[in-house]
């Protein structure tokens, strides 16, 4: 990937901010090049005599990052189970579970000067926090990287971080051609009212019972064949058994598919990635593998563009939802296809909704979609609640919509979300606001978590654009 101007701007802002903050977060959406930006910062730190470390939370991410660093000519050591321990390398790629136990073995002259934390939402956890505090104590700067720095348990990320650098929004990246557009198809919401939660998200064994039924809303294979036939797809499933059943269903219908999970051996993961790159398989089903940073291209050693995601796992985590749909949004000629069989769009909003990320955390369980979504009772289309009519069938939105709970193929049907119409409606409503208070009222009506902060940010963008136009007019007048 060639560096884009917004990436250079974020790198510059990160370096400038580190003069005033010892630990900060660089937030940028999936597909915007966080790994690429961090690799440039690693090379820059190394060139100045620094000792940059990169810390991951999964072994396969250590492998991927190592391939990336070798690809850009950065020699490095690896601190991970089963790898030789050489702390004298200036650059280290670390697995958190190994590193936290080996800190006492790191010689004083080998301490890092800057530490990059991949998927830094984990930083509030005990082991992570201990490593970060150690890094700060030995004088290192800490840069957290995350597309969606929001914890399911609501814990704040301050401490250890004291500053957040927000990257461009998903909508901006789409508008400027850095991410692809999408077509979203959404069914009725599975009946999960009686499903218990564990650790803030749905209990796996209970949602597995709901989602692993032959008569689940819509036929996953049928909807794939209808809306995404032949496209490379990743399906996010509830459990290993569920994922295997979904893969079996695709194979039985003549759509080549394979299941992967965190226990799949490295050589099998690489073989699957290469098979998808070469078009030998169309569908990868998985459990908790592709949600956080898994890179098929790095595994295959060549480009593997994901064109479709299938959401077969309900989740209360906005961060997980954004990571999953983001897998299909990387730049490509055609629009991505999102097939939501789990009601996640209704729960969390559309991928390009405006979202505000903060370090403060939130109350436990307080995580609703920033833009409320309505399910049409006539055609099951999903659209933003601020619209008075369904963009799909034109039906007037009733005062109270009874969301169907049927779980059969016959009664459930995925229908396309008109994202362009929803976006235009949202922009028109924002444009009609004359004050920051008006914008904040809109934010509250949409259900934004922090409407005042969102309104102030949008108002600042509007004022900057107005000032730029005024300067351009003045320049023309002077000529």
Protein backbone atom coordinates (compact mmCIF):
# COMPACT_ATOMS: atom_id res chain seq x y z
CA UNK A 1 0.00 0.00 0.00
CA UNK A 2 1.29 3.44 -0.88
CA UNK A 3 1.07 5.91 1.98
CA UNK A 4 -1.85 8.30 1.61
CA UNK A 5 -1.81 11.85 2.86
CA UNK A 6 -4.17 11.09 5.75
CA UNK A 7 -1.75 8.38 6.89
CA UNK A 8 1.18 10.81 6.84
CA UNK A 9 -0.96 13.32 8.74
CA UNK A 10 -1.81 10.75 11.42
CA UNK A 11 1.83 9.72 11.77
CA UNK A 12 2.86 13.37 12.13
CA UNK A 13 0.14 14.00 14.72
CA UNK A 14 1.19 10.89 16.65
CA UNK A 15 4.83 11.98 16.78
CA UNK A 16 3.87 15.51 17.79
CA UNK A 17 1.46 14.31 20.49
CA UNK A 18 4.09 12.00 22.00
CA UNK A 19 6.00 15.13 23.02
CA UNK A 20 3.16 15.88 25.45
CA UNK A 21 1.71 12.42 26.21
CA UNK A 22 3.51 9.27 27.31
CA UNK A 23 0.68 6.98 26.18
CA UNK A 24 -1.87 7.64 23.44
CA UNK A 25 -4.21 5.79 21.10
CA UNK A 26 -4.17 6.05 17.32
CA UNK A 27 -7.70 5.11 16.20
CA UNK A 28 -8.39 4.37 12.56
CA UNK A 29 -10.97 2.09 10.87
CA UNK A 30 -10.30 -1.43 9.67
CA UNK A 31 -8.71 -1.21 6.24
CA UNK A 32 -7.21 2.26 6.72
CA UNK A 33 -3.66 0.95 7.11
CA UNK A 34 -2.85 0.95 10.84
CA UNK A 35 -0.25 -1.81 10.40
CA UNK A 36 1.33 0.11 7.53
CA UNK A 37 1.41 3.34 9.57
CA UNK A 38 2.91 1.59 12.56
CA UNK A 39 5.58 -0.04 10.36
CA UNK A 40 6.62 3.41 9.10
CA UNK A 41 6.82 4.66 12.69
CA UNK A 42 8.87 1.60 13.66
CA UNK A 43 11.33 2.29 10.83
CA UNK A 44 11.49 5.95 11.83
CA UNK A 45 12.20 5.12 15.48
CA UNK A 46 14.84 2.57 14.46
CA UNK A 47 16.56 5.10 12.18
CA UNK A 48 16.89 7.47 15.16
CA UNK A 49 18.53 4.80 17.31
CA UNK A 50 15.36 3.80 19.16
CA UNK A 51 14.20 0.38 20.25
CA UNK A 52 10.61 -0.07 19.04
CA UNK A 53 8.54 -3.02 20.25
CA UNK A 54 5.24 -4.26 18.79
CA UNK A 55 2.94 -6.26 21.09
CA UNK A 56 0.14 -8.55 19.87
CA UNK A 57 -2.47 -10.57 21.75
CA UNK A 58 -2.59 -13.63 19.48
CA UNK A 59 0.23 -15.90 18.24
CA UNK A 60 -0.90 -15.74 14.62
CA UNK A 61 -0.74 -11.92 14.78
CA UNK A 62 2.90 -12.22 15.88
CA UNK A 63 3.51 -14.35 12.78
CA UNK A 64 1.73 -11.86 10.51
CA UNK A 65 3.52 -8.83 11.93
CA UNK A 66 6.85 -10.62 11.56
CA UNK A 67 6.13 -11.22 7.86
CA UNK A 68 5.19 -7.55 7.43
CA UNK A 69 8.37 -6.32 9.13
CA UNK A 70 10.58 -8.63 7.09
CA UNK A 71 8.75 -7.39 4.00
CA UNK A 72 9.81 -3.80 4.70
CA UNK A 73 13.37 -4.77 5.59
CA UNK A 74 13.15 -4.54 9.40
CA UNK A 75 15.15 -7.21 11.21
CA UNK A 76 13.66 -8.14 14.58
CA UNK A 77 13.48 -10.55 17.46
CA UNK A 78 10.36 -12.39 18.57
CA UNK A 79 9.30 -12.79 22.18
CA UNK A 80 6.81 -15.66 22.03
CA UNK A 81 6.44 -19.22 23.21
CA UNK A 82 8.66 -21.62 21.29
CA UNK A 83 10.82 -18.85 19.83
CA UNK A 84 14.47 -18.20 20.76
CA UNK A 85 14.76 -15.27 23.18
CA UNK A 86 17.17 -12.59 21.93
CA UNK A 87 16.46 -9.31 23.78
CA UNK A 88 19.43 -7.59 22.10
CA UNK A 89 17.57 -7.08 18.82
CA UNK A 90 16.52 -3.43 18.60
CA UNK A 91 13.07 -4.35 17.27
CA UNK A 92 10.93 -6.93 19.06
CA UNK A 93 7.57 -8.42 18.11
CA UNK A 94 5.96 -9.79 21.27
CA UNK A 95 3.10 -12.06 22.29
CA UNK A 96 1.57 -10.54 25.40
CA UNK A 97 1.19 -13.84 27.28
CA UNK A 98 4.90 -14.60 26.88
CA UNK A 99 6.17 -11.06 27.36
CA UNK A 100 4.43 -10.46 30.68
CA UNK A 101 6.34 -13.44 32.14
CA UNK A 102 9.70 -12.53 30.61
CA UNK A 103 9.92 -8.88 31.68
CA UNK A 104 12.41 -9.71 34.48
CA UNK A 105 14.72 -11.29 31.87
CA UNK A 106 15.01 -8.17 29.71
CA UNK A 107 18.43 -6.52 30.35
CA UNK A 108 18.39 -2.84 31.27
CA UNK A 109 20.22 -1.87 28.10
CA UNK A 110 17.57 -3.55 25.98
CA UNK A 111 14.51 -1.71 27.28
CA UNK A 112 12.18 -0.35 24.55
CA UNK A 113 11.94 3.35 23.74
CA UNK A 114 8.51 3.09 22.11
CA UNK A 115 5.92 0.32 22.39
CA UNK A 116 3.07 -0.25 19.94
CA UNK A 117 0.02 -2.05 21.35
CA UNK A 118 -2.09 -3.82 18.73
CA UNK A 119 -5.85 -3.99 19.46
CA UNK A 120 -5.27 -1.73 22.45
CA UNK A 121 -8.83 -2.06 23.79
CA UNK A 122 -7.34 -4.97 25.74
CA UNK A 123 -5.09 -2.56 27.66
CA UNK A 124 -7.40 -2.32 30.68
CA UNK A 125 -6.91 -6.04 31.37
CA UNK A 126 -4.49 -7.08 34.11
CA UNK A 127 -1.63 -8.58 32.08
CA UNK A 128 -1.71 -5.87 29.46
CA UNK A 129 -1.81 -3.09 32.03
CA UNK A 130 1.16 -4.58 33.89
CA UNK A 131 3.26 -4.61 30.70
CA UNK A 132 2.25 -1.06 29.73
CA UNK A 133 3.03 0.30 33.19
CA UNK A 134 6.42 -1.44 33.03
CA UNK A 135 7.13 0.16 29.65
CA UNK A 136 6.25 3.60 31.00
CA UNK A 137 8.41 3.03 34.08
CA UNK A 138 11.48 2.25 31.93
CA UNK A 139 10.90 5.44 29.94
CA UNK A 140 9.18 4.16 26.82
CA UNK A 141 6.39 5.92 24.97
CA UNK A 142 3.27 3.84 24.30
CA UNK A 143 1.13 3.98 21.14
CA UNK A 144 -2.11 2.00 21.15
CA UNK A 145 -3.61 0.97 17.81
CA UNK A 146 -7.29 0.15 17.37
CA UNK A 147 -10.10 0.52 14.86
CA UNK A 148 -12.73 0.63 17.60
CA UNK A 149 -11.25 1.40 21.05
CA UNK A 150 -14.31 0.43 23.05
CA UNK A 151 -14.45 -2.35 25.64
CA UNK A 152 -17.50 -4.53 26.06
CA UNK A 153 -17.19 -4.24 29.85
CA UNK A 154 -17.24 -0.43 29.57
CA UNK A 155 -13.90 0.04 31.34
CA UNK A 156 -12.12 3.31 30.48
CA UNK A 157 -8.81 3.31 28.60
CA UNK A 158 -7.61 6.28 30.63
CA UNK A 159 -5.40 5.18 32.39
CA UNK A 160 -3.03 4.23 30.89
CA UNK A 161 -3.75 6.39 27.82
CA UNK A 162 -4.14 10.16 28.16
CA UNK A 163 -4.83 11.14 24.54
CA UNK A 164 -6.72 9.74 21.55
CA UNK A 165 -6.01 10.63 17.92
CA UNK A 166 -9.18 9.96 15.88
CA UNK A 167 -8.65 8.79 12.35
CA UNK A 168 -10.91 9.47 9.38
CA UNK A 169 -14.42 8.05 9.60
CA UNK A 170 -15.57 5.04 7.60
CA UNK A 171 -17.86 7.34 5.60
CA UNK A 172 -14.95 9.70 4.76
CA UNK A 173 -12.76 6.79 3.66
CA UNK A 174 -15.58 5.56 1.43
CA UNK A 175 -16.23 9.01 -0.02
CA UNK A 176 -12.54 9.39 -0.90
CA UNK A 177 -12.13 5.93 -2.39
CA UNK A 178 -9.99 4.34 0.35
CA UNK A 179 -12.71 1.88 1.39
CA UNK A 180 -15.35 0.28 -0.78
CA UNK A 181 -19.07 0.99 -0.69
CA UNK A 182 -21.33 -1.78 0.51
CA UNK A 183 -24.73 -3.37 0.04
CA UNK A 184 -26.29 -4.54 3.30
CA UNK A 185 -29.01 -7.14 3.61
CA UNK A 186 -30.66 -7.64 6.98
CA UNK A 187 -33.20 -10.17 8.29
CA UNK A 188 -35.50 -9.96 11.28
CA UNK A 189 -33.74 -10.10 14.62
CA UNK A 190 -33.26 -13.55 16.21
CA UNK A 191 -35.23 -14.02 19.40
CA UNK A 192 -32.48 -13.49 22.00
CA UNK A 193 -34.50 -11.89 24.77
CA UNK A 194 -34.06 -14.87 27.10
CA UNK A 195 -30.41 -15.51 26.23
CA UNK A 196 -28.10 -14.94 29.18
CA UNK A 197 -24.94 -12.84 28.99
CA UNK A 198 -21.46 -13.69 30.18
CA UNK A 199 -18.65 -11.13 30.31
CA UNK A 200 -21.00 -8.58 28.79
CA UNK A 201 -21.77 -10.57 25.61
CA UNK A 202 -24.20 -13.37 24.83
CA UNK A 203 -23.44 -16.76 26.41
CA UNK A 204 -22.00 -18.87 23.59
CA UNK A 205 -23.85 -22.08 24.37
CA UNK A 206 -27.20 -20.27 24.39
CA UNK A 207 -26.80 -18.30 21.17
CA UNK A 208 -25.39 -21.43 19.55
CA UNK A 209 -28.73 -23.11 20.26
CA UNK A 210 -30.56 -20.19 18.62
CA UNK A 211 -28.23 -19.74 15.62
CA UNK A 212 -27.35 -23.34 14.77
CA UNK A 213 -30.83 -24.33 13.59
CA UNK A 214 -31.64 -25.53 10.07
CA UNK A 215 -34.65 -23.20 10.06
CA UNK A 216 -32.75 -20.07 11.14
CA UNK A 217 -33.90 -16.75 9.57
CA UNK A 218 -33.16 -17.13 5.87
CA UNK A 219 -31.01 -19.80 4.36
CA UNK A 220 -27.39 -18.65 4.59
CA UNK A 221 -26.40 -20.58 1.52
CA UNK A 222 -29.44 -19.38 -0.43
CA UNK A 223 -28.83 -15.74 0.40
CA UNK A 224 -25.16 -16.03 -0.48
CA UNK A 225 -26.10 -17.52 -3.84
CA UNK A 226 -28.69 -14.80 -4.36
CA UNK A 227 -26.62 -11.73 -3.42
CA UNK A 228 -22.94 -12.76 -3.48
CA UNK A 229 -22.54 -15.84 -5.67
CA UNK A 230 -18.89 -16.51 -6.46
CA UNK A 231 -17.59 -13.76 -4.16
CA UNK A 232 -14.93 -14.43 -1.53
CA UNK A 233 -16.78 -14.50 1.79
CA UNK A 234 -16.02 -14.80 5.49
CA UNK A 235 -18.76 -16.02 7.84
CA UNK A 236 -18.54 -15.23 11.55
CA UNK A 237 -20.04 -18.03 13.61
CA UNK A 238 -20.83 -18.74 17.25
CA UNK A 239 -18.83 -21.89 17.97
CA UNK A 240 -16.61 -24.47 16.30
CA UNK A 241 -19.57 -26.80 15.83
CA UNK A 242 -21.70 -24.00 14.36
CA UNK A 243 -18.89 -22.93 12.02
CA UNK A 244 -18.38 -26.50 10.81
CA UNK A 245 -22.12 -26.90 10.19
CA UNK A 246 -22.21 -23.68 8.13
CA UNK A 247 -19.19 -24.80 6.08
CA UNK A 248 -20.79 -28.22 5.56
CA UNK A 249 -23.99 -26.57 4.32
CA UNK A 250 -22.07 -24.54 1.73
CA UNK A 251 -20.10 -27.57 0.55
CA UNK A 252 -23.28 -29.62 0.26
CA UNK A 253 -24.72 -26.94 -2.02
CA UNK A 254 -21.64 -26.97 -4.24
CA UNK A 255 -20.06 -23.82 -2.81
CA UNK A 256 -16.49 -24.73 -1.74
CA UNK A 257 -16.01 -23.73 1.90
CA UNK A 258 -13.66 -24.44 4.78
CA UNK A 259 -13.77 -23.89 8.55
CA UNK A 260 -10.95 -22.22 10.52
CA UNK A 261 -10.55 -21.34 14.18
CA UNK A 262 -7.81 -20.29 16.60
CA UNK A 263 -6.65 -23.89 17.07
CA UNK A 264 -6.22 -24.57 13.34
CA UNK A 265 -2.52 -25.30 12.67
CA UNK A 266 -0.54 -22.57 10.92
CA UNK A 267 0.11 -24.62 7.79
CA UNK A 268 -3.64 -25.30 7.39
CA UNK A 269 -4.48 -21.60 7.79
CA UNK A 270 -1.91 -20.69 5.16
CA UNK A 271 -3.18 -23.39 2.79
CA UNK A 272 -6.76 -22.12 3.21
CA UNK A 273 -5.68 -18.52 2.54
CA UNK A 274 -3.83 -19.56 -0.61
CA UNK A 275 -6.81 -21.65 -1.77
CA UNK A 276 -9.08 -18.64 -1.39
CA UNK A 277 -6.60 -16.40 -3.22
CA UNK A 278 -6.56 -18.84 -6.13
CA UNK A 279 -10.36 -19.21 -6.22
CA UNK A 280 -10.38 -22.84 -5.09
CA UNK A 281 -12.68 -21.99 -2.19
CA UNK A 282 -15.26 -19.22 -1.90
CA UNK A 283 -16.25 -19.25 1.78
CA UNK A 284 -14.26 -19.31 5.01
CA UNK A 285 -16.27 -19.90 8.18
CA UNK A 286 -14.58 -19.08 11.46
CA UNK A 287 -14.85 -18.57 15.20
CA UNK A 288 -13.03 -15.60 16.81
CA UNK A 289 -10.26 -15.64 14.20
CA UNK A 290 -10.95 -12.92 11.64
CA UNK A 291 -12.46 -10.42 14.07
CA UNK A 292 -9.17 -8.96 15.28
CA UNK A 293 -6.50 -8.43 12.70
CA UNK A 294 -6.26 -11.79 10.92
CA UNK A 295 -4.77 -10.99 7.51
CA UNK A 296 -5.45 -13.47 4.72
CA UNK A 297 -3.04 -11.66 2.39
CA UNK A 298 -0.19 -12.06 4.88
CA UNK A 299 -1.01 -15.77 5.27
CA UNK A 300 -1.26 -16.36 1.52
CA UNK A 301 1.69 -14.18 0.56
CA UNK A 302 -0.48 -12.41 -2.02
CA UNK A 303 -3.57 -10.23 -2.21
CA UNK A 304 -6.84 -11.82 -1.05
CA UNK A 305 -9.73 -9.38 -1.30
CA UNK A 306 -12.75 -10.24 0.85
CA UNK A 307 -15.93 -9.25 -0.99
CA UNK A 308 -18.63 -10.46 1.42
CA UNK A 309 -19.12 -11.01 5.15
CA UNK A 310 -21.83 -13.13 6.68
CA UNK A 311 -22.82 -12.28 10.25
CA UNK A 312 -24.04 -15.49 11.86
CA UNK A 313 -23.11 -14.52 15.42
CA UNK A 314 -25.14 -11.99 17.41
CA UNK A 315 -22.95 -9.78 19.58
CA UNK A 316 -23.41 -6.92 22.01
CA UNK A 317 -19.95 -5.62 21.15
CA UNK A 318 -19.87 -2.64 18.78
CA UNK A 319 -16.11 -3.10 18.41
CA UNK A 320 -16.48 -6.73 17.32
CA UNK A 321 -19.28 -5.85 14.89
CA UNK A 322 -17.19 -3.07 13.30
CA UNK A 323 -14.18 -5.36 12.97
CA UNK A 324 -16.27 -8.06 11.32
CA UNK A 325 -17.98 -5.88 8.72
CA UNK A 326 -14.69 -4.07 8.13
CA UNK A 327 -13.22 -7.26 6.69
CA UNK A 328 -15.21 -6.67 3.48
CA UNK A 329 -14.71 -2.91 3.19
CA UNK A 330 -11.16 -2.83 1.87
CA UNK A 331 -10.90 -1.03 -1.46
CA UNK A 332 -12.09 -2.97 -4.51
CA UNK A 333 -14.02 -2.23 -7.73
CA UNK A 334 -17.40 -3.59 -6.63
CA UNK A 335 -19.44 -2.84 -3.54
CA UNK A 336 -18.99 -5.19 -0.59
CA UNK A 337 -21.91 -7.39 0.42
CA UNK A 338 -22.93 -7.65 4.08
CA UNK A 339 -25.34 -10.50 4.91
CA UNK A 340 -26.58 -10.00 8.46
CA UNK A 341 -28.28 -13.13 9.79
CA UNK A 342 -27.81 -12.09 13.43
CA UNK A 343 -29.56 -8.73 13.86
CA UNK A 344 -26.26 -6.88 14.38
CA UNK A 345 -27.09 -3.98 12.04
CA UNK A 346 -30.24 -3.30 14.02
CA UNK A 347 -28.26 -3.45 17.27
CA UNK A 348 -25.25 -1.35 16.21
CA UNK A 349 -26.20 0.66 13.13
CA UNK A 350 -24.71 0.72 9.64
CA UNK A 351 -20.94 0.47 9.11
CA UNK A 352 -20.57 4.12 8.02
CA UNK A 353 -22.68 5.71 10.75
CA UNK A 354 -20.98 8.57 12.61
CA UNK A 355 -19.30 7.32 15.77
CA UNK A 356 -17.34 9.10 18.48
CA UNK A 357 -14.53 7.24 20.27
CA UNK A 358 -13.33 8.31 23.71
CA UNK A 359 -11.04 7.14 26.52
CA UNK A 360 -13.63 7.61 29.26
CA UNK A 361 -15.45 4.29 28.98
CA UNK A 362 -19.16 3.97 29.67
CA UNK A 363 -21.64 2.45 32.04
CA UNK A 364 -21.83 -1.32 31.87
CA UNK A 365 -24.33 -2.46 29.26
CA UNK A 366 -24.76 1.05 27.83
CA UNK A 367 -23.91 0.36 24.22
CA UNK A 368 -26.67 1.04 21.78
CA UNK A 369 -26.42 1.96 18.13
CA UNK A 370 -25.36 5.59 17.70
CA UNK A 371 -27.89 5.80 14.89
CA UNK A 372 -31.13 3.99 15.72
CA UNK A 373 -32.32 1.53 13.06
CA UNK A 374 -35.88 0.55 12.20
CA UNK A 375 -37.07 -2.76 10.75
CA UNK A 376 -39.88 -2.33 8.22
CA UNK A 377 -42.86 -4.44 9.23
CA UNK A 378 -43.88 -4.88 5.57
CA UNK A 379 -40.71 -5.87 3.70
CA UNK A 380 -38.17 -6.32 6.57
CA UNK A 381 -35.81 -3.65 5.19
CA UNK A 382 -33.54 -2.07 7.79
CA UNK A 383 -33.11 1.70 7.69
CA UNK A 384 -32.30 4.67 9.91
CA UNK A 385 -35.10 5.48 12.32
CA UNK A 386 -35.06 9.20 11.41
CA UNK A 387 -36.63 8.34 8.04
CA UNK A 388 -40.42 8.49 7.89
CA UNK A 389 -40.77 5.97 5.07
CA UNK A 390 -39.12 2.68 4.28
CA UNK A 391 -36.63 3.33 1.43
CA UNK A 392 -37.23 -0.18 0.09
CA UNK A 393 -41.04 -0.39 -0.23
CA UNK A 394 -42.20 3.14 0.66
CA UNK A 395 -44.30 2.04 3.62
CA UNK A 396 -44.96 4.69 6.26
CA UNK A 397 -43.14 3.98 9.49
CA UNK A 398 -45.70 3.22 12.23
CA UNK A 399 -45.36 4.79 15.64
CA UNK A 400 -44.38 1.43 17.07
CA UNK A 401 -42.92 -1.31 14.90
CA UNK A 402 -43.44 -4.88 16.03
CA UNK A 403 -40.25 -6.63 14.95
CA UNK A 404 -41.03 -10.12 13.66
CA UNK A 405 -39.31 -12.89 15.56
CA UNK A 406 -39.85 -15.79 13.14
CA UNK A 407 -36.90 -18.13 12.72
CA UNK A 408 -37.87 -20.00 9.55
CA UNK A 409 -36.65 -19.72 6.01
CA UNK A 410 -40.17 -19.19 4.77
CA UNK A 411 -40.88 -16.23 7.03
CA UNK A 412 -37.44 -14.61 7.08
CA UNK A 413 -35.86 -12.90 4.10
CA UNK A 414 -32.80 -10.71 3.83
CA UNK A 415 -33.58 -7.42 2.11
CA UNK A 416 -31.22 -4.74 0.91
CA UNK A 417 -30.56 -1.64 2.96
CA UNK A 418 -30.54 1.51 0.78
CA UNK A 419 -27.40 2.98 2.33
CA UNK A 420 -27.12 5.87 -0.16
CA UNK A 421 -30.67 7.04 0.57
CA UNK A 422 -30.05 6.80 4.29
CA UNK A 423 -26.82 8.77 4.00
CA UNK A 424 -28.48 11.51 1.93
CA UNK A 425 -31.32 11.80 4.45
CA UNK A 426 -28.84 12.07 7.33
CA UNK A 427 -26.79 14.78 5.56
CA UNK A 428 -29.91 16.80 4.72
CA UNK A 429 -31.01 16.72 8.34
CA UNK A 430 -27.57 17.85 9.53
CA UNK A 431 -27.39 20.61 6.92
CA UNK A 432 -30.68 22.05 8.18
CA UNK A 433 -29.18 22.60 11.65
CA UNK A 434 -28.25 26.23 12.29
CA UNK A 435 -26.54 25.89 15.68
CA UNK A 436 -24.47 23.40 17.66
CA UNK A 437 -27.52 22.90 19.88
CA UNK A 438 -29.60 21.92 16.85
CA UNK A 439 -26.99 19.32 15.92
CA UNK A 440 -26.87 18.02 19.49
CA UNK A 441 -30.66 17.61 19.43
CA UNK A 442 -30.33 15.55 16.25
CA UNK A 443 -27.65 13.46 17.92
CA UNK A 444 -29.92 12.78 20.88
CA UNK A 445 -32.81 11.85 18.58
CA UNK A 446 -30.54 9.39 16.78
CA UNK A 447 -29.50 7.82 20.06
CA UNK A 448 -25.83 8.92 19.96
CA UNK A 449 -23.88 8.04 23.10
CA UNK A 450 -22.26 11.53 23.23
CA UNK A 451 -24.44 13.89 21.16
CA UNK A 452 -22.76 17.11 22.36
CA UNK A 453 -19.27 15.87 21.45
CA UNK A 454 -20.49 14.68 18.06
CA UNK A 455 -22.24 18.02 17.41
CA UNK A 456 -19.17 20.05 18.35
CA UNK A 457 -16.92 17.96 16.12
CA UNK A 458 -19.28 18.29 13.14
CA UNK A 459 -19.69 22.04 13.75
CA UNK A 460 -15.89 22.47 13.80
CA UNK A 461 -15.61 20.62 10.48
CA UNK A 462 -18.34 22.85 9.04
CA UNK A 463 -16.61 26.03 10.25
CA UNK A 464 -13.25 24.90 8.83
CA UNK A 465 -14.86 24.23 5.44
CA UNK A 466 -16.57 27.64 5.50
CA UNK A 467 -13.29 29.39 6.35
CA UNK A 468 -11.50 27.55 3.57
CA UNK A 469 -14.13 28.59 1.02
CA UNK A 470 -13.93 32.19 2.25
CA UNK A 471 -10.15 32.17 1.85
CA UNK A 472 -10.45 30.73 -1.64
CA UNK A 473 -12.94 33.46 -2.62
CA UNK A 474 -10.66 36.13 -1.19
CA UNK A 475 -7.72 34.73 -3.08
CA UNK A 476 -9.67 34.82 -6.37
CA UNK A 477 -10.81 38.40 -5.64
CA UNK A 478 -7.22 39.55 -5.00
CA UNK A 479 -6.05 38.06 -8.29
